[in-house]
Amino acid sequence: MVVCSCNRLTHVDVETAVAGGATHPREVYAARGCRAQCGNCVQGVVCLLREARKKHQLAHEAAARQAMAPAAEAGIALSA
């Protein structure tokens, strides 16, 4: 979905920028080598940025839990 028609910024661009460490709208635009022009898209970019950051954080937490599960199982097996 195109979020910013001035810069042809899409929701995928926002998600990619977040995966690259973006935490502010200006960082999303900078990741594409542009900046907000008319400003109509900023509110939508902020909304998508928040959603992408939550999604990225949840995925990171799930991966951390998965990485800890074998260690926990090994600890249980050793103590049994």
N, C-alpha and C. Protein backbone atom coordinates (compact mmCIF):
# COMPACT_ATOMS: atom_id res chain seq x y z
N MET A 1 0.85 -1.17 0.00
CA MET A 1 0.00 0.00 0.00
C MET A 1 0.90 1.24 0.00
N VAL A 2 0.58 2.19 -0.85
CA VAL A 2 1.33 3.45 -0.88
C VAL A 2 0.86 4.32 0.27
N VAL A 3 1.80 4.76 1.08
CA VAL A 3 1.50 5.60 2.24
C VAL A 3 1.73 7.06 1.90
N CYS A 4 2.76 7.32 1.13
CA CYS A 4 3.13 8.68 0.75
C CYS A 4 3.25 8.76 -0.76
N SER A 5 2.29 9.43 -1.38
CA SER A 5 2.31 9.51 -2.84
C SER A 5 3.38 10.47 -3.33
N CYS A 6 3.78 11.45 -2.54
CA CYS A 6 4.84 12.37 -2.95
C CYS A 6 6.17 11.63 -3.15
N ASN A 7 6.45 10.66 -2.26
CA ASN A 7 7.71 9.94 -2.28
C ASN A 7 7.57 8.47 -2.67
N ARG A 8 6.34 8.05 -3.01
CA ARG A 8 6.07 6.64 -3.34
C ARG A 8 6.54 5.72 -2.20
N LEU A 9 6.29 6.13 -0.98
CA LEU A 9 6.66 5.38 0.21
C LEU A 9 5.54 4.38 0.50
N THR A 10 5.90 3.11 0.70
CA THR A 10 4.90 2.08 0.95
C THR A 10 5.00 1.54 2.37
N HIS A 11 4.00 0.73 2.74
CA HIS A 11 4.03 0.10 4.05
C HIS A 11 5.24 -0.83 4.18
N VAL A 12 5.66 -1.42 3.07
CA VAL A 12 6.85 -2.29 3.09
C VAL A 12 8.09 -1.46 3.39
N ASP A 13 8.15 -0.24 2.87
CA ASP A 13 9.27 0.64 3.17
C ASP A 13 9.33 0.96 4.67
N VAL A 14 8.17 1.16 5.28
CA VAL A 14 8.12 1.44 6.72
C VAL A 14 8.61 0.21 7.49
N GLU A 15 8.13 -0.96 7.14
CA GLU A 15 8.53 -2.19 7.83
C GLU A 15 10.03 -2.45 7.65
N THR A 16 10.55 -2.20 6.46
CA THR A 16 11.97 -2.39 6.20
C THR A 16 12.80 -1.41 7.02
N ALA A 17 12.35 -0.17 7.11
CA ALA A 17 13.06 0.83 7.90
C ALA A 17 13.08 0.46 9.38
N VAL A 18 11.97 -0.06 9.88
CA VAL A 18 11.91 -0.50 11.28
C VAL A 18 12.87 -1.66 11.51
N ALA A 19 12.89 -2.59 10.59
CA ALA A 19 13.83 -3.72 10.71
C ALA A 19 15.27 -3.21 10.70
N GLY A 20 15.50 -2.08 10.05
CA GLY A 20 16.83 -1.47 10.02
C GLY A 20 17.11 -0.56 11.20
N GLY A 21 16.14 -0.44 12.13
CA GLY A 21 16.36 0.34 13.34
C GLY A 21 15.62 1.65 13.43
N ALA A 22 14.79 1.99 12.46
CA ALA A 22 14.05 3.26 12.49
C ALA A 22 13.07 3.28 13.65
N THR A 23 13.03 4.41 14.35
CA THR A 23 12.09 4.58 15.45
C THR A 23 11.27 5.86 15.33
N HIS A 24 11.61 6.69 14.36
CA HIS A 24 10.91 7.96 14.14
C HIS A 24 10.57 8.10 12.65
N PRO A 25 9.51 8.85 12.34
CA PRO A 25 9.14 9.04 10.94
C PRO A 25 10.28 9.56 10.07
N ARG A 26 11.05 10.50 10.57
CA ARG A 26 12.15 11.05 9.76
C ARG A 26 13.15 9.96 9.38
N GLU A 27 13.31 8.96 10.23
CA GLU A 27 14.22 7.84 9.94
C GLU A 27 13.64 6.93 8.86
N VAL A 28 12.32 6.82 8.83
CA VAL A 28 11.66 6.04 7.78
C VAL A 28 11.90 6.72 6.44
N TYR A 29 11.67 8.02 6.39
CA TYR A 29 11.90 8.77 5.15
C TYR A 29 13.37 8.72 4.76
N ALA A 30 14.25 8.89 5.72
CA ALA A 30 15.70 8.88 5.43
C ALA A 30 16.15 7.54 4.87
N ALA A 31 15.53 6.46 5.34
CA ALA A 31 15.89 5.13 4.83
C ALA A 31 15.61 5.02 3.34
N ARG A 32 14.66 5.81 2.85
CA ARG A 32 14.34 5.85 1.42
C ARG A 32 15.02 7.01 0.71
N GLY A 33 15.81 7.80 1.46
CA GLY A 33 16.51 8.94 0.86
C GLY A 33 15.58 10.09 0.52
N CYS A 34 14.53 10.27 1.31
CA CYS A 34 13.59 11.35 1.05
C CYS A 34 13.16 11.97 2.38
N ARG A 35 12.21 12.89 2.31
CA ARG A 35 11.61 13.45 3.51
C ARG A 35 10.19 13.85 3.19
N ALA A 36 9.38 14.08 4.22
CA ALA A 36 7.99 14.43 4.02
C ALA A 36 7.91 15.71 3.18
N GLN A 37 7.00 15.71 2.23
CA GLN A 37 6.84 16.87 1.35
C GLN A 37 5.63 17.70 1.78
N CYS A 38 4.44 17.21 1.51
CA CYS A 38 3.23 17.97 1.83
C CYS A 38 2.77 17.74 3.27
N GLY A 39 3.20 16.61 3.88
CA GLY A 39 2.85 16.33 5.27
C GLY A 39 1.58 15.53 5.47
N ASN A 40 0.81 15.31 4.41
CA ASN A 40 -0.45 14.57 4.56
C ASN A 40 -0.24 13.13 5.00
N CYS A 41 0.91 12.57 4.74
CA CYS A 41 1.16 11.16 5.03
C CYS A 41 1.74 10.91 6.42
N VAL A 42 2.20 11.95 7.08
CA VAL A 42 2.94 11.76 8.33
C VAL A 42 2.13 10.98 9.36
N GLN A 43 0.87 11.30 9.52
CA GLN A 43 0.05 10.59 10.51
C GLN A 43 -0.06 9.10 10.17
N GLY A 44 -0.21 8.78 8.91
CA GLY A 44 -0.26 7.38 8.49
C GLY A 44 1.07 6.68 8.68
N VAL A 45 2.16 7.39 8.41
CA VAL A 45 3.49 6.81 8.61
C VAL A 45 3.71 6.53 10.10
N VAL A 46 3.28 7.44 10.95
CA VAL A 46 3.42 7.24 12.40
C VAL A 46 2.64 6.01 12.84
N CYS A 47 1.43 5.85 12.35
CA CYS A 47 0.60 4.69 12.70
C CYS A 47 1.28 3.39 12.25
N LEU A 48 1.73 3.35 11.00
CA LEU A 48 2.40 2.16 10.49
C LEU A 48 3.72 1.90 11.21
N LEU A 49 4.41 2.95 11.57
CA LEU A 49 5.66 2.83 12.31
C LEU A 49 5.42 2.16 13.66
N ARG A 50 4.40 2.61 14.36
CA ARG A 50 4.05 1.99 15.66
C ARG A 50 3.70 0.52 15.49
N GLU A 51 2.87 0.21 14.50
CA GLU A 51 2.48 -1.17 14.26
C GLU A 51 3.68 -2.04 13.91
N ALA A 52 4.55 -1.53 13.05
CA ALA A 52 5.72 -2.30 12.63
C ALA A 52 6.68 -2.50 13.80
N ARG A 53 6.83 -1.48 14.65
CA ARG A 53 7.71 -1.62 15.82
C ARG A 53 7.16 -2.67 16.78
N LYS A 54 5.85 -2.67 17.00
CA LYS A 54 5.24 -3.69 17.88
C LYS A 54 5.46 -5.09 17.30
N LYS A 55 5.20 -5.23 16.00
CA LYS A 55 5.36 -6.51 15.32
C LYS A 55 6.82 -6.98 15.41
N HIS A 56 7.74 -6.07 15.18
CA HIS A 56 9.16 -6.38 15.24
C HIS A 56 9.56 -6.79 16.66
N GLN A 57 9.05 -6.08 17.66
CA GLN A 57 9.36 -6.39 19.05
C GLN A 57 8.79 -7.75 19.44
N LEU A 58 7.57 -8.04 19.04
CA LEU A 58 6.96 -9.34 19.37
C LEU A 58 7.74 -10.49 18.72
N ALA A 59 8.17 -10.28 17.48
CA ALA A 59 8.95 -11.32 16.80
C ALA A 59 10.29 -11.53 17.50
N HIS A 60 10.89 -10.44 17.96
CA HIS A 60 12.17 -10.53 18.67
C HIS A 60 11.99 -11.29 20.00
N GLU A 61 10.91 -10.98 20.71
CA GLU A 61 10.64 -11.66 21.99
C GLU A 61 10.35 -13.14 21.76
N ALA A 62 9.61 -13.47 20.71
CA ALA A 62 9.31 -14.87 20.42
C ALA A 62 10.59 -15.63 20.08
N ALA A 63 11.48 -15.01 19.32
CA ALA A 63 12.75 -15.65 18.98
C ALA A 63 13.59 -15.87 20.23
N ALA A 64 13.55 -14.91 21.14
CA ALA A 64 14.32 -15.05 22.39
C ALA A 64 13.76 -16.20 23.23
N ARG A 65 12.43 -16.32 23.27
CA ARG A 65 11.81 -17.44 24.01
C ARG A 65 12.18 -18.77 23.38
N GLN A 66 12.19 -18.83 22.05
CA GLN A 66 12.55 -20.07 21.35
C GLN A 66 14.01 -20.44 21.64
N ALA A 67 14.87 -19.44 21.69
CA ALA A 67 16.29 -19.70 21.96
C ALA A 67 16.50 -20.18 23.39
N MET A 68 15.65 -19.73 24.31
CA MET A 68 15.81 -20.12 25.71
C MET A 68 15.18 -21.48 25.99
N ALA A 69 14.21 -21.91 25.19
CA ALA A 69 13.51 -23.17 25.43
C ALA A 69 14.46 -24.37 25.45
N PRO A 70 15.38 -24.54 24.50
CA PRO A 70 16.29 -25.69 24.57
C PRO A 70 17.17 -25.66 25.81
N ALA A 71 17.57 -24.46 26.22
CA ALA A 71 18.40 -24.34 27.42
C ALA A 71 17.61 -24.74 28.65
N ALA A 72 16.36 -24.34 28.71
CA ALA A 72 15.51 -24.71 29.84
C ALA A 72 15.27 -26.21 29.87
N GLU A 73 15.02 -26.80 28.70
CA GLU A 73 14.80 -28.24 28.63
C GLU A 73 16.07 -29.00 29.04
N ALA A 74 17.21 -28.52 28.63
CA ALA A 74 18.47 -29.16 29.00
C ALA A 74 18.69 -29.09 30.51
N GLY A 75 18.33 -27.97 31.10
CA GLY A 75 18.46 -27.82 32.55
C GLY A 75 17.55 -28.76 33.29
N ILE A 76 16.35 -28.95 32.80
CA ILE A 76 15.40 -29.87 33.41
C ILE A 76 15.90 -31.30 33.26
N ALA A 77 16.41 -31.64 32.09
CA ALA A 77 16.90 -32.99 31.84
C ALA A 77 18.10 -33.31 32.72
N LEU A 78 18.97 -32.34 32.94
CA LEU A 78 20.15 -32.56 33.75
C LEU A 78 19.81 -32.74 35.22
N SER A 79 18.76 -32.06 35.67
CA SER A 79 18.42 -32.13 37.08
C SER A 79 17.53 -33.33 37.39
N ALA A 80 17.00 -33.97 36.39
CA ALA A 80 16.07 -35.09 36.61
C ALA A 80 16.78 -36.37 36.92
